[in-house]
């Protein structure tokens, strides 16, 4: 392939072929995308699946339903600001909310390792129950399986959820277009750095806590002032970068972001500098990114800032027809860099 055939900012070398599953396949990076697009989607191809949003939208008896499922393997299972039980409920609620749905019902399934203390399981169940109550959803079904000691890692959780999408709301990455304002609801990297510090026994100046939270009320507040919002996404695995790069590549659009406008706590910034991490690649569990028609950007931003979970919201960039498939980040010193994803995340099992 000649240089003229290579999209701007992209390496012409192909991703290495692998013959077995690696940790990177679950990271939200390039290996994850390759696994989904080359193996999973072709096996089950259908219009609902091919959109590759965080939830499927299906019609039933005149109503539009959002349906999603997710699995949680985070380690440690208890961490500053939350635990795997709360995380599982919030994560599924958020995937429904990013489709514009009001979350209604969840399933909750446990895969338990032999030897897990009953007290730990009770703590997780109670935490999940409180999270469901806060989000206004019912856990209506589930499952429990046990594997032998050494065949798991304490506890894995799978959740599925159903929500109802109001009439007039249509959120999908397929609707993003040039000119869209990109709004971010708050600081990035809080969850990933909190998990990393707990897992590795690292201490940094200042408090580190996961940002896990249910985002359906914040999403609804934004949609009330602008039902025309094109898309929303909660940037979890792979961080903010994964959302931006995925949308740019799949929709063949350019994205331009100003790094100085991205909210970042000093503690997280300092930890990333010490560890050599890019905050844009660090996982979040309580933030959303909204792609909004430009004429409605300020109204949506005001509505987000009026909500407790959006008080640090900011407009961080725009969608453009220039350099399709590439995300350009304006740096604090006035230069530009191409934002790309690694093959795998630096910290696996983050959610």
C-alpha atoms as a PDB file:
ATOM      1  CA  UNK A   1       0.000   0.000   0.000  1.00  0.00           C
ATOM      2  CA  UNK A   2       1.361   3.411  -0.914  1.00  0.00           C
ATOM      3  CA  UNK A   3       1.431   6.379   1.439  1.00  0.00           C
ATOM      4  CA  UNK A   4      -1.406   7.884  -0.598  1.00  0.00           C
ATOM      5  CA  UNK A   5      -3.625   4.913   0.317  1.00  0.00           C
ATOM      6  CA  UNK A   6      -2.966   5.135   4.050  1.00  0.00           C
ATOM      7  CA  UNK A   7      -5.470   7.211   6.093  1.00  0.00           C
ATOM      8  CA  UNK A   8      -3.872  10.225   7.743  1.00  0.00           C
ATOM      9  CA  UNK A   9      -2.276   9.360  11.083  1.00  0.00           C
ATOM     10  CA  UNK A  10      -2.764   5.605  10.761  1.00  0.00           C
ATOM     11  CA  UNK A  11       0.000   3.037  10.558  1.00  0.00           C
ATOM     12  CA  UNK A  12      -0.072   0.986   7.317  1.00  0.00           C
ATOM     13  CA  UNK A  13       1.118  -2.149   9.132  1.00  0.00           C
ATOM     14  CA  UNK A  14      -1.658  -4.663   9.910  1.00  0.00           C
ATOM     15  CA  UNK A  15      -2.519  -5.766  13.418  1.00  0.00           C
ATOM     16  CA  UNK A  16      -0.624  -8.946  14.223  1.00  0.00           C
ATOM     17  CA  UNK A  17      -2.654 -12.114  13.885  1.00  0.00           C
ATOM     18  CA  UNK A  18      -3.018 -14.114  17.102  1.00  0.00           C
ATOM     19  CA  UNK A  19      -4.137 -17.707  17.588  1.00  0.00           C
ATOM     20  CA  UNK A  20      -5.257 -17.617  21.225  1.00  0.00           C
ATOM     21  CA  UNK A  21      -7.103 -15.257  23.555  1.00  0.00           C
ATOM     22  CA  UNK A  22      -4.916 -12.677  25.295  1.00  0.00           C
ATOM     23  CA  UNK A  23      -5.731 -10.367  28.200  1.00  0.00           C
ATOM     24  CA  UNK A  24      -5.716  -7.546  25.659  1.00  0.00           C
ATOM     25  CA  UNK A  25      -8.832  -8.946  23.997  1.00  0.00           C
ATOM     26  CA  UNK A  26     -10.831  -7.688  26.972  1.00  0.00           C
ATOM     27  CA  UNK A  27      -9.192  -4.288  27.273  1.00  0.00           C
ATOM     28  CA  UNK A  28     -11.288  -2.127  24.986  1.00  0.00           C
ATOM     29  CA  UNK A  29      -8.286  -1.488  22.734  1.00  0.00           C
ATOM     30  CA  UNK A  30      -7.430  -2.667  19.220  1.00  0.00           C
ATOM     31  CA  UNK A  31      -7.436  -6.359  20.094  1.00  0.00           C
ATOM     32  CA  UNK A  32     -10.950  -6.047  21.533  1.00  0.00           C
ATOM     33  CA  UNK A  33     -12.204  -4.306  18.409  1.00  0.00           C
ATOM     34  CA  UNK A  34     -10.567  -6.922  16.185  1.00  0.00           C
ATOM     35  CA  UNK A  35     -12.182  -9.772  18.131  1.00  0.00           C
ATOM     36  CA  UNK A  36     -15.649  -8.202  17.966  1.00  0.00           C
ATOM     37  CA  UNK A  37     -15.580  -7.055  14.357  1.00  0.00           C
ATOM     38  CA  UNK A  38     -13.759 -10.013  12.789  1.00  0.00           C
ATOM     39  CA  UNK A  39     -15.133 -12.953  14.780  1.00  0.00           C
ATOM     40  CA  UNK A  40     -18.250 -12.149  16.809  1.00  0.00           C
ATOM     41  CA  UNK A  41     -20.271  -9.804  14.599  1.00  0.00           C
ATOM     42  CA  UNK A  42     -19.967 -11.960  11.453  1.00  0.00           C
ATOM     43  CA  UNK A  43     -21.294 -14.970  13.372  1.00  0.00           C
ATOM     44  CA  UNK A  44     -24.487 -13.224  14.516  1.00  0.00           C
ATOM     45  CA  UNK A  45     -24.904 -10.472  11.939  1.00  0.00           C
ATOM     46  CA  UNK A  46     -28.188  -8.525  12.150  1.00  0.00           C
ATOM     47  CA  UNK A  47     -29.177  -4.832  11.932  1.00  0.00           C
ATOM     48  CA  UNK A  48     -29.529  -4.343  15.693  1.00  0.00           C
ATOM     49  CA  UNK A  49     -26.127  -5.827  16.456  1.00  0.00           C
ATOM     50  CA  UNK A  50     -24.252  -4.124  13.629  1.00  0.00           C
ATOM     51  CA  UNK A  51     -24.689  -0.644  15.122  1.00  0.00           C
ATOM     52  CA  UNK A  52     -22.276  -1.779  17.874  1.00  0.00           C
ATOM     53  CA  UNK A  53     -23.715   0.608  20.434  1.00  0.00           C
ATOM     54  CA  UNK A  54     -23.608  -0.329  24.121  1.00  0.00           C
ATOM     55  CA  UNK A  55     -27.221  -1.436  23.941  1.00  0.00           C
ATOM     56  CA  UNK A  56     -29.472  -2.959  21.293  1.00  0.00           C
ATOM     57  CA  UNK A  57     -32.663  -1.100  20.443  1.00  0.00           C
ATOM     58  CA  UNK A  58     -35.592  -3.369  19.564  1.00  0.00           C
ATOM     59  CA  UNK A  59     -39.255  -2.660  18.843  1.00  0.00           C
ATOM     60  CA  UNK A  60     -42.018  -4.585  20.622  1.00  0.00           C
ATOM     61  CA  UNK A  61     -45.744  -3.899  20.326  1.00  0.00           C
ATOM     62  CA  UNK A  62     -45.178  -0.271  19.388  1.00  0.00           C
ATOM     63  CA  UNK A  63     -42.600   0.408  22.113  1.00  0.00           C
ATOM     64  CA  UNK A  64     -38.860   0.793  21.682  1.00  0.00           C
ATOM     65  CA  UNK A  65     -36.797  -1.123  24.220  1.00  0.00           C
ATOM     66  CA  UNK A  66     -33.111  -0.929  25.023  1.00  0.00           C
ATOM     67  CA  UNK A  67     -31.472  -4.237  25.937  1.00  0.00           C
ATOM     68  CA  UNK A  68     -27.925  -4.707  27.189  1.00  0.00           C
ATOM     69  CA  UNK A  69     -25.712  -7.223  28.955  1.00  0.00           C
ATOM     70  CA  UNK A  70     -22.309  -6.947  30.614  1.00  0.00           C
ATOM     71  CA  UNK A  71     -19.906  -8.988  32.729  1.00  0.00           C
ATOM     72  CA  UNK A  72     -17.720  -7.717  35.565  1.00  0.00           C
ATOM     73  CA  UNK A  73     -14.385  -9.230  36.545  1.00  0.00           C
ATOM     74  CA  UNK A  74     -12.746  -6.289  38.331  1.00  0.00           C
ATOM     75  CA  UNK A  75     -10.024  -7.004  40.839  1.00  0.00           C
ATOM     76  CA  UNK A  76      -9.982  -6.202  43.694  1.00  0.00           C
ATOM     77  CA  UNK A  77     -13.697  -6.735  44.290  1.00  0.00           C
ATOM     78  CA  UNK A  78     -13.747  -3.989  46.935  1.00  0.00           C
ATOM     79  CA  UNK A  79     -12.090  -0.688  46.096  1.00  0.00           C
ATOM     80  CA  UNK A  80     -12.199   2.976  47.161  1.00  0.00           C
ATOM     81  CA  UNK A  81     -15.602   4.346  46.205  1.00  0.00           C
ATOM     82  CA  UNK A  82     -17.352   1.070  45.440  1.00  0.00           C
ATOM     83  CA  UNK A  83     -17.263  -2.670  44.813  1.00  0.00           C
ATOM     84  CA  UNK A  84     -18.039  -5.142  42.047  1.00  0.00           C
ATOM     85  CA  UNK A  85     -21.710  -5.425  43.086  1.00  0.00           C
ATOM     86  CA  UNK A  86     -22.434  -1.708  42.874  1.00  0.00           C
ATOM     87  CA  UNK A  87     -20.319  -1.436  39.726  1.00  0.00           C
ATOM     88  CA  UNK A  88     -22.312  -4.156  37.960  1.00  0.00           C
ATOM     89  CA  UNK A  89     -25.651  -2.460  38.607  1.00  0.00           C
ATOM     90  CA  UNK A  90     -24.426   1.027  37.735  1.00  0.00           C
ATOM     91  CA  UNK A  91     -22.666  -0.161  34.597  1.00  0.00           C
ATOM     92  CA  UNK A  92     -25.762  -1.830  33.185  1.00  0.00           C
ATOM     93  CA  UNK A  93     -27.996   1.101  34.123  1.00  0.00           C
ATOM     94  CA  UNK A  94     -25.545   3.381  32.305  1.00  0.00           C
ATOM     95  CA  UNK A  95     -25.481   1.313  29.122  1.00  0.00           C
ATOM     96  CA  UNK A  96     -29.282   1.583  28.973  1.00  0.00           C
ATOM     97  CA  UNK A  97     -29.189   5.306  29.730  1.00  0.00           C
ATOM     98  CA  UNK A  98     -26.703   5.951  26.911  1.00  0.00           C
ATOM     99  CA  UNK A  99     -29.424   4.714  24.556  1.00  0.00           C
ATOM    100  CA  UNK A 100     -31.833   7.264  25.992  1.00  0.00           C
ATOM    101  CA  UNK A 101     -33.769   4.610  27.917  1.00  0.00           C
ATOM    102  CA  UNK A 102     -35.310   4.717  31.354  1.00  0.00           C
ATOM    103  CA  UNK A 103     -33.821   1.585  33.016  1.00  0.00           C
ATOM    104  CA  UNK A 104     -36.488  -0.756  34.351  1.00  0.00           C
ATOM    105  CA  UNK A 105     -35.359  -4.326  35.056  1.00  0.00           C
ATOM    106  CA  UNK A 106     -32.035  -6.085  35.606  1.00  0.00           C
ATOM    107  CA  UNK A 107     -30.802  -9.639  35.938  1.00  0.00           C
ATOM    108  CA  UNK A 108     -27.898 -10.427  38.248  1.00  0.00           C
ATOM    109  CA  UNK A 109     -25.829 -13.607  37.956  1.00  0.00           C
ATOM    110  CA  UNK A 110     -22.880 -14.643  40.148  1.00  0.00           C
ATOM    111  CA  UNK A 111     -20.006 -16.978  39.324  1.00  0.00           C
ATOM    112  CA  UNK A 112     -18.449 -17.711  42.708  1.00  0.00           C
ATOM    113  CA  UNK A 113     -15.113 -19.302  43.461  1.00  0.00           C
ATOM    114  CA  UNK A 114     -15.087 -21.996  46.121  1.00  0.00           C
ATOM    115  CA  UNK A 115     -13.732 -20.498  49.324  1.00  0.00           C
ATOM    116  CA  UNK A 116     -15.227 -17.023  48.929  1.00  0.00           C
ATOM    117  CA  UNK A 117     -16.295 -15.847  52.406  1.00  0.00           C
ATOM    118  CA  UNK A 118     -20.084 -15.694  52.765  1.00  0.00           C
ATOM    119  CA  UNK A 119     -19.625 -12.340  54.493  1.00  0.00           C
ATOM    120  CA  UNK A 120     -18.044 -10.928  51.316  1.00  0.00           C
ATOM    121  CA  UNK A 121     -20.884 -12.246  49.161  1.00  0.00           C
ATOM    122  CA  UNK A 122     -23.465 -10.784  51.536  1.00  0.00           C
ATOM    123  CA  UNK A 123     -21.690  -7.426  51.360  1.00  0.00           C
ATOM    124  CA  UNK A 124     -21.754  -7.496  47.546  1.00  0.00           C
ATOM    125  CA  UNK A 125     -25.417  -8.525  47.372  1.00  0.00           C
ATOM    126  CA  UNK A 126     -26.436  -5.757  49.750  1.00  0.00           C
ATOM    127  CA  UNK A 127     -24.355  -3.232  47.808  1.00  0.00           C
ATOM    128  CA  UNK A 128     -25.982  -4.264  44.518  1.00  0.00           C
ATOM    129  CA  UNK A 129     -29.392  -3.977  46.146  1.00  0.00           C
ATOM    130  CA  UNK A 130     -28.707  -0.444  47.352  1.00  0.00           C
ATOM    131  CA  UNK A 131     -27.415   0.540  43.904  1.00  0.00           C
ATOM    132  CA  UNK A 132     -30.563  -0.830  42.246  1.00  0.00           C
ATOM    133  CA  UNK A 133     -32.753   1.042  44.711  1.00  0.00           C
ATOM    134  CA  UNK A 134     -30.897   4.309  44.061  1.00  0.00           C
ATOM    135  CA  UNK A 135     -31.295   3.832  40.310  1.00  0.00           C
ATOM    136  CA  UNK A 136     -34.972   2.941  40.588  1.00  0.00           C
ATOM    137  CA  UNK A 137     -34.599  -0.457  38.898  1.00  0.00           C
ATOM    138  CA  UNK A 138     -35.720  -3.919  39.975  1.00  0.00           C
ATOM    139  CA  UNK A 139     -33.467  -6.980  39.979  1.00  0.00           C
ATOM    140  CA  UNK A 140     -36.030  -9.532  38.823  1.00  0.00           C
ATOM    141  CA  UNK A 141     -34.018 -12.642  37.915  1.00  0.00           C
ATOM    142  CA  UNK A 142     -30.544 -14.117  38.173  1.00  0.00           C
ATOM    143  CA  UNK A 143     -28.348 -17.142  38.553  1.00  0.00           C
ATOM    144  CA  UNK A 144     -25.600 -18.520  40.789  1.00  0.00           C
ATOM    145  CA  UNK A 145     -22.804 -20.888  39.801  1.00  0.00           C
ATOM    146  CA  UNK A 146     -19.771 -22.074  41.791  1.00  0.00           C
ATOM    147  CA  UNK A 147     -16.394 -23.090  40.344  1.00  0.00           C
ATOM    148  CA  UNK A 148     -13.592 -24.902  42.095  1.00  0.00           C
ATOM    149  CA  UNK A 149     -10.939 -23.099  44.069  1.00  0.00           C
ATOM    150  CA  UNK A 150      -8.353 -21.758  41.647  1.00  0.00           C
ATOM    151  CA  UNK A 151     -10.779 -21.850  38.696  1.00  0.00           C
ATOM    152  CA  UNK A 152     -11.994 -18.282  39.210  1.00  0.00           C
ATOM    153  CA  UNK A 153     -11.036 -15.193  41.139  1.00  0.00           C
ATOM    154  CA  UNK A 154     -13.438 -14.773  44.086  1.00  0.00           C
ATOM    155  CA  UNK A 155     -16.492 -13.571  42.138  1.00  0.00           C
ATOM    156  CA  UNK A 156     -17.526 -12.603  38.604  1.00  0.00           C
ATOM    157  CA  UNK A 157     -20.883 -10.950  37.924  1.00  0.00           C
ATOM    158  CA  UNK A 158     -23.032 -10.833  34.789  1.00  0.00           C
ATOM    159  CA  UNK A 159     -25.907  -8.390  34.450  1.00  0.00           C
ATOM    160  CA  UNK A 160     -28.497  -7.762  31.753  1.00  0.00           C
ATOM    161  CA  UNK A 161     -30.941  -4.899  31.611  1.00  0.00           C
ATOM    162  CA  UNK A 162     -34.075  -3.691  29.858  1.00  0.00           C
ATOM    163  CA  UNK A 163     -35.245  -0.087  29.564  1.00  0.00           C
ATOM    164  CA  UNK A 164     -37.953   1.870  27.770  1.00  0.00           C
ATOM    165  CA  UNK A 165     -36.953   4.543  25.271  1.00  0.00           C
ATOM    166  CA  UNK A 166     -39.321   7.563  25.214  1.00  0.00           C
ATOM    167  CA  UNK A 167     -40.870   8.593  21.924  1.00  0.00           C
ATOM    168  CA  UNK A 168     -38.800  11.112  20.001  1.00  0.00           C
ATOM    169  CA  UNK A 169     -35.464   9.944  21.425  1.00  0.00           C
ATOM    170  CA  UNK A 170     -33.030   8.284  19.040  1.00  0.00           C
ATOM    171  CA  UNK A 171     -29.452   7.983  20.222  1.00  0.00           C
ATOM    172  CA  UNK A 172     -26.831   6.142  18.202  1.00  0.00           C
ATOM    173  CA  UNK A 173     -23.268   6.674  17.071  1.00  0.00           C
ATOM    174  CA  UNK A 174     -24.658   6.367  13.515  1.00  0.00           C
ATOM    175  CA  UNK A 175     -26.272   9.813  13.934  1.00  0.00           C
ATOM    176  CA  UNK A 176     -23.051  11.704  14.713  1.00  0.00           C
ATOM    177  CA  UNK A 177     -22.164  14.310  12.094  1.00  0.00           C
ATOM    178  CA  UNK A 178     -19.757  17.157  11.310  1.00  0.00           C
ATOM    179  CA  UNK A 179     -20.173  20.160  13.581  1.00  0.00           C
ATOM    180  CA  UNK A 180     -21.421  18.184  16.572  1.00  0.00           C
ATOM    181  CA  UNK A 181     -20.196  19.545  19.901  1.00  0.00           C
ATOM    182  CA  UNK A 182     -18.560  16.947  22.149  1.00  0.00           C
ATOM    183  CA  UNK A 183     -19.551  17.377  25.805  1.00  0.00           C
ATOM    184  CA  UNK A 184     -17.935  15.513  28.705  1.00  0.00           C
ATOM    185  CA  UNK A 185     -19.793  15.323  32.018  1.00  0.00           C
ATOM    186  CA  UNK A 186     -16.801  15.542  34.372  1.00  0.00           C
ATOM    187  CA  UNK A 187     -13.307  14.498  35.360  1.00  0.00           C
ATOM    188  CA  UNK A 188     -11.700  11.485  33.708  1.00  0.00           C
ATOM    189  CA  UNK A 189      -9.503   8.663  35.007  1.00  0.00           C
ATOM    190  CA  UNK A 190     -10.869   8.494  38.566  1.00  0.00           C
ATOM    191  CA  UNK A 191     -11.961   4.847  38.431  1.00  0.00           C
ATOM    192  CA  UNK A 192      -8.889   3.446  36.712  1.00  0.00           C
ATOM    193  CA  UNK A 193      -6.391   5.177  38.970  1.00  0.00           C
ATOM    194  CA  UNK A 194      -8.368   4.216  42.101  1.00  0.00           C
ATOM    195  CA  UNK A 195      -8.304   0.551  41.031  1.00  0.00           C
ATOM    196  CA  UNK A 196      -4.619   0.724  40.141  1.00  0.00           C
ATOM    197  CA  UNK A 197      -3.636   2.284  43.460  1.00  0.00           C
ATOM    198  CA  UNK A 198      -5.623  -0.297  45.436  1.00  0.00           C
ATOM    199  CA  UNK A 199      -4.416  -3.279  43.404  1.00  0.00           C
ATOM    200  CA  UNK A 200      -0.745  -2.359  43.448  1.00  0.00           C
ATOM    201  CA  UNK A 201      -0.613  -0.820  46.936  1.00  0.00           C
ATOM    202  CA  UNK A 202       0.397   2.585  45.584  1.00  0.00           C
ATOM    203  CA  UNK A 203      -0.059   5.809  47.522  1.00  0.00           C
ATOM    204  CA  UNK A 204      -0.462   9.218  45.920  1.00  0.00           C
ATOM    205  CA  UNK A 205      -0.995  12.637  47.412  1.00  0.00           C
ATOM    206  CA  UNK A 206      -4.738  13.302  47.672  1.00  0.00           C
ATOM    207  CA  UNK A 207      -7.789  11.038  47.736  1.00  0.00           C
ATOM    208  CA  UNK A 208      -8.475   8.533  44.985  1.00  0.00           C
ATOM    209  CA  UNK A 209     -11.987   7.108  44.600  1.00  0.00           C
ATOM    210  CA  UNK A 210     -13.855   5.353  41.835  1.00  0.00           C
ATOM    211  CA  UNK A 211     -16.454   7.537  40.125  1.00  0.00           C
ATOM    212  CA  UNK A 212     -18.961   4.661  39.744  1.00  0.00           C
ATOM    213  CA  UNK A 213     -22.462   6.171  39.595  1.00  0.00           C
ATOM    214  CA  UNK A 214     -25.792   5.695  37.775  1.00  0.00           C
ATOM    215  CA  UNK A 215     -26.037   8.194  34.913  1.00  0.00           C
ATOM    216  CA  UNK A 216     -29.676   7.828  33.835  1.00  0.00           C
ATOM    217  CA  UNK A 217     -30.873  10.991  35.609  1.00  0.00           C
ATOM    218  CA  UNK A 218     -28.023  13.043  34.132  1.00  0.00           C
ATOM    219  CA  UNK A 219     -28.732  11.665  30.656  1.00  0.00           C
ATOM    220  CA  UNK A 220     -32.446  12.385  31.065  1.00  0.00           C
ATOM    221  CA  UNK A 221     -31.709  15.963  32.157  1.00  0.00           C
ATOM    222  CA  UNK A 222     -29.687  16.541  28.993  1.00  0.00           C
ATOM    223  CA  UNK A 223     -32.363  14.977  26.794  1.00  0.00           C
ATOM    224  CA  UNK A 224     -35.115  17.095  28.336  1.00  0.00           C
ATOM    225  CA  UNK A 225     -33.497  20.287  27.054  1.00  0.00           C
ATOM    226  CA  UNK A 226     -32.372  18.701  23.768  1.00  0.00           C
ATOM    227  CA  UNK A 227     -34.157  15.566  22.531  1.00  0.00           C
ATOM    228  CA  UNK A 228     -32.085  15.985  19.362  1.00  0.00           C
ATOM    229  CA  UNK A 229     -28.829  14.812  21.000  1.00  0.00           C
ATOM    230  CA  UNK A 230     -27.216  12.471  18.493  1.00  0.00           C
ATOM    231  CA  UNK A 231     -25.327  10.028  20.708  1.00  0.00           C
ATOM    232  CA  UNK A 232     -24.123   9.339  24.236  1.00  0.00           C
ATOM    233  CA  UNK A 233     -21.515   6.942  25.560  1.00  0.00           C
ATOM    234  CA  UNK A 234     -20.033   6.222  28.982  1.00  0.00           C
ATOM    235  CA  UNK A 235     -16.276   5.902  28.386  1.00  0.00           C
ATOM    236  CA  UNK A 236     -15.367   2.867  30.501  1.00  0.00           C
ATOM    237  CA  UNK A 237     -12.671   0.413  29.262  1.00  0.00           C
ATOM    238  CA  UNK A 238     -10.075   2.263  27.235  1.00  0.00           C
ATOM    239  CA  UNK A 239     -11.211   5.577  28.693  1.00  0.00           C
ATOM    240  CA  UNK A 240     -12.298   8.660  26.782  1.00  0.00           C
ATOM    241  CA  UNK A 241      -9.876   7.756  24.002  1.00  0.00           C
ATOM    242  CA  UNK A 242     -11.696   4.492  23.225  1.00  0.00           C
ATOM    243  CA  UNK A 243     -15.001   6.312  22.668  1.00  0.00           C
ATOM    244  CA  UNK A 244     -13.517   9.031  20.490  1.00  0.00           C
ATOM    245  CA  UNK A 245     -11.354   6.710  18.380  1.00  0.00           C
ATOM    246  CA  UNK A 246     -14.151   4.160  17.954  1.00  0.00           C
ATOM    247  CA  UNK A 247     -16.680   6.741  16.801  1.00  0.00           C
ATOM    248  CA  UNK A 248     -14.231   8.426  14.444  1.00  0.00           C
ATOM    249  CA  UNK A 249     -13.141   5.139  12.856  1.00  0.00           C
ATOM    250  CA  UNK A 250     -16.551   3.480  12.535  1.00  0.00           C
ATOM    251  CA  UNK A 251     -18.349   6.596  11.259  1.00  0.00           C
ATOM    252  CA  UNK A 252     -15.476   7.841   9.060  1.00  0.00           C
ATOM    253  CA  UNK A 253     -15.484  11.260  10.687  1.00  0.00           C
ATOM    254  CA  UNK A 254     -12.755  13.418  12.143  1.00  0.00           C
ATOM    255  CA  UNK A 255     -12.704  14.506  15.779  1.00  0.00           C
ATOM    256  CA  UNK A 256     -10.788  17.442  17.214  1.00  0.00           C
ATOM    257  CA  UNK A 257     -10.310  17.783  20.972  1.00  0.00           C
ATOM    258  CA  UNK A 258      -8.649  20.473  23.078  1.00  0.00           C
ATOM    259  CA  UNK A 259      -6.735  18.724  25.859  1.00  0.00           C
ATOM    260  CA  UNK A 260      -6.784  21.835  28.074  1.00  0.00           C
ATOM    261  CA  UNK A 261     -10.601  21.673  28.323  1.00  0.00           C
ATOM    262  CA  UNK A 262     -10.742  18.063  29.598  1.00  0.00           C
ATOM    263  CA  UNK A 263     -11.536  18.021  33.350  1.00  0.00           C
ATOM    264  CA  UNK A 264      -8.906  16.130  35.367  1.00  0.00           C
ATOM    265  CA  UNK A 265      -8.358  15.950  39.121  1.00  0.00           C
ATOM    266  CA  UNK A 266      -4.899  16.988  40.294  1.00  0.00           C
ATOM    267  CA  UNK A 267      -4.421  13.667  42.092  1.00  0.00           C
ATOM    268  CA  UNK A 268      -5.234  11.672  38.953  1.00  0.00           C
ATOM    269  CA  UNK A 269      -3.074  13.947  36.818  1.00  0.00           C
ATOM    270  CA  UNK A 270      -0.130  13.519  39.181  1.00  0.00           C
ATOM    271  CA  UNK A 271      -0.544   9.738  39.326  1.00  0.00           C
ATOM    272  CA  UNK A 272      -0.670   9.499  35.538  1.00  0.00           C
ATOM    273  CA  UNK A 273       2.476  11.602  35.201  1.00  0.00           C
ATOM    274  CA  UNK A 274       4.342   9.425  37.700  1.00  0.00           C
ATOM    275  CA  UNK A 275       3.199   6.183  36.050  1.00  0.00           C
ATOM    276  CA  UNK A 276       3.569   7.370  32.465  1.00  0.00           C
ATOM    277  CA  UNK A 277      -0.127   6.920  31.662  1.00  0.00           C
ATOM    278  CA  UNK A 278      -2.257   8.991  29.295  1.00  0.00           C
ATOM    279  CA  UNK A 279      -5.377  10.036  31.285  1.00  0.00           C
ATOM    280  CA  UNK A 280      -7.453   9.791  28.114  1.00  0.00           C
ATOM    281  CA  UNK A 281      -6.812   6.026  28.116  1.00  0.00           C
ATOM    282  CA  UNK A 282      -7.758   5.467  31.772  1.00  0.00           C
ATOM    283  CA  UNK A 283     -11.149   3.906  32.578  1.00  0.00           C
ATOM    284  CA  UNK A 284     -14.167   5.765  33.970  1.00  0.00           C
ATOM    285  CA  UNK A 285     -17.394   4.410  35.482  1.00  0.00           C
ATOM    286  CA  UNK A 286     -19.476   7.518  36.140  1.00  0.00           C
ATOM    287  CA  UNK A 287     -18.989   9.860  33.191  1.00  0.00           C
ATOM    288  CA  UNK A 288     -20.735  10.342  29.864  1.00  0.00           C
ATOM    289  CA  UNK A 289     -19.793  11.856  26.528  1.00  0.00           C
ATOM    290  CA  UNK A 290     -22.561  13.507  24.484  1.00  0.00           C
ATOM    291  CA  UNK A 291     -22.465  14.382  20.792  1.00  0.00           C
ATOM    292  CA  UNK A 292     -24.796  17.345  20.382  1.00  0.00           C
ATOM    293  CA  UNK A 293     -25.929  19.458  17.398  1.00  0.00           C
ATOM    294  CA  UNK A 294     -23.861  22.655  17.638  1.00  0.00           C
ATOM    295  CA  UNK A 295     -26.828  24.979  18.073  1.00  0.00           C
ATOM    296  CA  UNK A 296     -27.859  23.109  21.245  1.00  0.00           C
ATOM    297  CA  UNK A 297     -24.416  22.673  22.825  1.00  0.00           C
ATOM    298  CA  UNK A 298     -24.636  25.475  25.387  1.00  0.00           C
ATOM    299  CA  UNK A 299     -28.127  24.502  26.568  1.00  0.00           C
ATOM    300  CA  UNK A 300     -27.112  20.889  27.101  1.00  0.00           C
ATOM    301  CA  UNK A 301     -23.919  21.942  28.866  1.00  0.00           C
ATOM    302  CA  UNK A 302     -25.904  24.146  31.264  1.00  0.00           C
ATOM    303  CA  UNK A 303     -28.331  21.302  31.991  1.00  0.00           C
ATOM    304  CA  UNK A 304     -25.459  18.920  32.707  1.00  0.00           C
ATOM    305  CA  UNK A 305     -23.730  21.391  35.018  1.00  0.00           C
ATOM    306  CA  UNK A 306     -26.974  21.840  36.979  1.00  0.00           C
ATOM    307  CA  UNK A 307     -26.911  18.118  37.887  1.00  0.00           C
ATOM    308  CA  UNK A 308     -24.671  16.903  40.749  1.00  0.00           C
ATOM    309  CA  UNK A 309     -22.975  14.361  38.475  1.00  0.00           C
ATOM    310  CA  UNK A 310     -22.301  16.960  35.777  1.00  0.00           C
ATOM    311  CA  UNK A 311     -21.076  19.983  37.691  1.00  0.00           C
ATOM    312  CA  UNK A 312     -17.615  19.708  36.066  1.00  0.00           C
ATOM    313  CA  UNK A 313     -19.020  19.234  32.556  1.00  0.00           C
ATOM    314  CA  UNK A 314     -17.146  20.834  29.669  1.00  0.00           C
ATOM    315  CA  UNK A 315     -17.217  21.123  25.898  1.00  0.00           C
ATOM    316  CA  UNK A 316     -14.003  19.401  24.848  1.00  0.00           C
ATOM    317  CA  UNK A 317     -14.139  19.410  21.056  1.00  0.00           C
ATOM    318  CA  UNK A 318     -15.999  19.059  17.772  1.00  0.00           C
ATOM    319  CA  UNK A 319     -16.713  16.523  15.058  1.00  0.00           C
ATOM    320  CA  UNK A 320     -15.362  17.489  11.632  1.00  0.00           C
ATOM    321  CA  UNK A 321     -15.431  16.243   8.065  1.00  0.00           C
ATOM    322  CA  UNK A 322     -11.672  16.787   7.880  1.00  0.00           C
ATOM    323  CA  UNK A 323      -9.209  13.901   8.414  1.00  0.00           C
ATOM    324  CA  UNK A 324     -11.933  11.190   8.551  1.00  0.00           C
ATOM    325  CA  UNK A 325     -11.217   8.357  10.962  1.00  0.00           C
ATOM    326  CA  UNK A 326      -8.651  10.328  12.950  1.00  0.00           C
ATOM    327  CA  UNK A 327      -8.838  11.994  16.374  1.00  0.00           C
ATOM    328  CA  UNK A 328      -6.565  15.021  16.749  1.00  0.00           C
ATOM    329  CA  UNK A 329      -5.794  16.369  20.217  1.00  0.00           C
ATOM    330  CA  UNK A 330      -4.599  19.943  20.665  1.00  0.00           C
ATOM    331  CA  UNK A 331      -1.931  19.855  23.365  1.00  0.00           C
ATOM    332  CA  UNK A 332      -1.376  22.414  26.142  1.00  0.00           C
ATOM    333  CA  UNK A 333       1.680  23.779  24.308  1.00  0.00           C
ATOM    334  CA  UNK A 334      -0.313  24.457  21.150  1.00  0.00           C
ATOM    335  CA  UNK A 335       0.719  21.451  19.081  1.00  0.00           C
ATOM    336  CA  UNK A 336      -1.375  18.517  17.917  1.00  0.00           C
ATOM    337  CA  UNK A 337      -1.105  14.774  18.392  1.00  0.00           C
ATOM    338  CA  UNK A 338      -2.992  11.873  16.892  1.00  0.00           C
ATOM    339  CA  UNK A 339      -4.955   9.947  19.505  1.00  0.00           C
ATOM    340  CA  UNK A 340      -4.854   6.205  18.964  1.00  0.00           C
ATOM    341  CA  UNK A 341      -5.550   3.103  21.009  1.00  0.00           C
ATOM    342  CA  UNK A 342      -2.957   0.597  22.201  1.00  0.00           C
ATOM    343  CA  UNK A 343      -3.413  -3.083  21.384  1.00  0.00           C
ATOM    344  CA  UNK A 344      -4.291  -3.672  25.052  1.00  0.00           C
ATOM    345  CA  UNK A 345      -5.007  -1.638  28.144  1.00  0.00           C
ATOM    346  CA  UNK A 346      -2.177  -1.056  30.613  1.00  0.00           C
ATOM    347  CA  UNK A 347      -4.409  -2.245  33.463  1.00  0.00           C
ATOM    348  CA  UNK A 348      -6.659  -5.243  32.625  1.00  0.00           C
ATOM    349  CA  UNK A 349      -9.740  -6.337  34.593  1.00  0.00           C
ATOM    350  CA  UNK A 350     -10.743  -2.758  35.343  1.00  0.00           C
ATOM    351  CA  UNK A 351     -14.503  -3.451  35.320  1.00  0.00           C
END
